[in-house]
Protein backbone atom coordinates (compact mmCIF):
# COMPACT_ATOMS: atom_id res chain seq x y z
CA MET A 1 -140.01 107.13 53.77
CA SER A 2 -137.16 109.59 53.70
CA ARG A 3 -137.82 113.15 54.78
CA ASP A 4 -135.52 116.14 54.35
CA PRO A 5 -135.39 117.91 57.72
CA ARG A 6 -133.95 121.06 56.13
CA LYS A 7 -137.31 121.61 54.42
CA LEU A 8 -139.19 121.56 57.74
CA ARG A 9 -139.82 124.94 59.35
CA VAL A 10 -139.64 123.32 62.79
CA TYR A 11 -136.12 122.08 62.04
CA GLN A 12 -135.08 125.52 60.86
CA LEU A 13 -136.39 127.00 64.12
CA ALA A 14 -134.66 124.33 66.19
CA ASP A 15 -131.40 125.01 64.39
CA GLU A 16 -131.74 128.77 64.96
CA LEU A 17 -132.53 128.13 68.61
CA ALA A 18 -129.40 126.02 69.08
CA ILE A 19 -127.22 128.71 67.50
CA GLU A 20 -128.79 131.41 69.67
CA VAL A 21 -128.41 129.29 72.82
CA TYR A 22 -124.70 128.95 72.10
CA ARG A 23 -124.41 132.73 71.78
CA ILE A 24 -126.31 133.33 75.00
CA SER A 25 -124.56 130.63 76.96
CA ASP A 26 -121.14 132.00 75.97
CA ARG A 27 -122.01 135.07 78.00
CA LEU A 28 -123.00 133.24 81.15
CA PRO A 29 -120.69 133.50 84.14
CA GLN A 30 -117.82 131.01 84.36
CA THR A 31 -119.55 129.45 87.39
CA GLU A 32 -122.34 128.24 85.08
CA ARG A 33 -120.05 126.47 82.60
CA TYR A 34 -120.88 122.99 83.90
CA GLY A 35 -124.38 123.87 85.02
CA LEU A 36 -126.80 125.96 82.99
CA GLN A 37 -124.46 126.47 80.05
CA SER A 38 -123.91 122.78 79.48
CA GLN A 39 -127.53 121.79 80.04
CA MET A 40 -128.88 124.55 77.78
CA ARG A 41 -126.57 123.58 74.97
CA ARG A 42 -127.35 119.87 75.21
CA ALA A 43 -131.10 120.47 75.27
CA ALA A 44 -131.07 122.89 72.32
CA VAL A 45 -128.87 120.67 70.18
CA SER A 46 -130.91 117.59 71.11
CA SER A 47 -134.07 119.24 69.84
CA ALA A 48 -132.63 119.73 66.35
CA VAL A 49 -130.86 116.36 66.33
CA ASN A 50 -134.02 114.45 67.23
CA ILE A 51 -135.87 116.08 64.34
CA VAL A 52 -133.11 114.92 61.99
CA GLU A 53 -133.13 111.42 63.46
CA GLY A 54 -136.91 111.23 63.21
CA CYS A 55 -136.76 112.23 59.56
CA ALA A 56 -134.39 109.34 58.92
CA ARG A 57 -136.85 106.79 60.33
CA ARG A 58 -138.99 104.85 57.91
CA ARG A 59 -142.11 104.31 59.97
CA GLU A 60 -144.50 107.13 60.73
CA GLY A 61 -144.77 106.10 64.38
CA GLU A 62 -141.01 106.33 64.88
CA TYR A 63 -140.93 109.68 63.12
CA LEU A 64 -143.62 111.05 65.42
CA GLN A 65 -141.86 109.65 68.48
CA PHE A 66 -138.69 111.58 67.65
CA ILE A 67 -140.67 114.74 66.90
CA ASN A 68 -142.28 114.35 70.31
CA ILE A 69 -138.86 113.95 71.94
CA ALA A 70 -137.61 117.05 70.10
CA THR A 71 -140.59 119.00 71.45
CA GLY A 72 -139.62 117.96 74.97
CA PHE A 73 -136.05 119.17 74.50
CA ALA A 74 -137.35 122.48 73.10
CA ALA A 75 -139.51 122.90 76.21
CA GLU A 76 -136.50 122.12 78.40
CA THR A 77 -134.45 124.73 76.55
CA GLN A 78 -137.21 127.29 76.96
CA ASN A 79 -137.37 126.59 80.69
CA LEU A 80 -133.59 126.91 81.09
CA LEU A 81 -133.60 130.21 79.20
CA ALA A 82 -136.34 131.46 81.49
CA LEU A 83 -134.33 130.32 84.50
CA THR A 84 -131.31 132.33 83.36
CA GLY A 85 -133.59 135.36 83.07
CA LEU A 86 -135.03 134.82 86.55
CA GLN A 87 -131.52 134.61 87.97
CA GLY A 88 -130.61 137.85 86.21
CA LEU A 89 -127.98 136.10 84.13
CA THR A 90 -129.32 137.33 80.79
CA GLY A 91 -129.99 140.92 81.85
CA ALA A 92 -126.61 142.24 80.79
CA PHE A 93 -126.99 141.29 77.14
CA GLY A 94 -130.74 140.81 76.76
CA GLN A 95 -132.76 137.88 75.59
CA ARG A 96 -132.90 138.41 71.84
CA GLY A 97 -136.41 137.51 70.77
CA LEU A 98 -136.36 133.87 71.76
CA GLY A 99 -140.09 133.92 72.36
CA PHE A 100 -140.59 132.98 68.70
CA TRP A 101 -139.83 129.38 69.60
CA ALA A 102 -142.47 129.19 72.26
CA GLU A 103 -145.06 130.56 69.86
CA ALA A 104 -144.09 128.53 66.82
CA PRO A 105 -146.88 126.27 65.53
């Protein structure tokens, strides 16, 4: 069963999240290049990529497994964004409405 991930709202949100994480992480201090910046980017991209990979799987169980993995990466991204806020790293440019991801159904 082939699914088109572009038609899924969750994929659209994951894609938006990855783009926004790249914008935010560009503004992190140079000292975070190999720390938070790298980890945030990998987690955000992995969320969207796992949705795409799941959609390419034929069996429902495999599809659900990849959606579950994508959810985990989204939670990791959310935690890392919160961590940057707690460290005061996002204060200078603000955290532009990323709460939508946490509240998405």
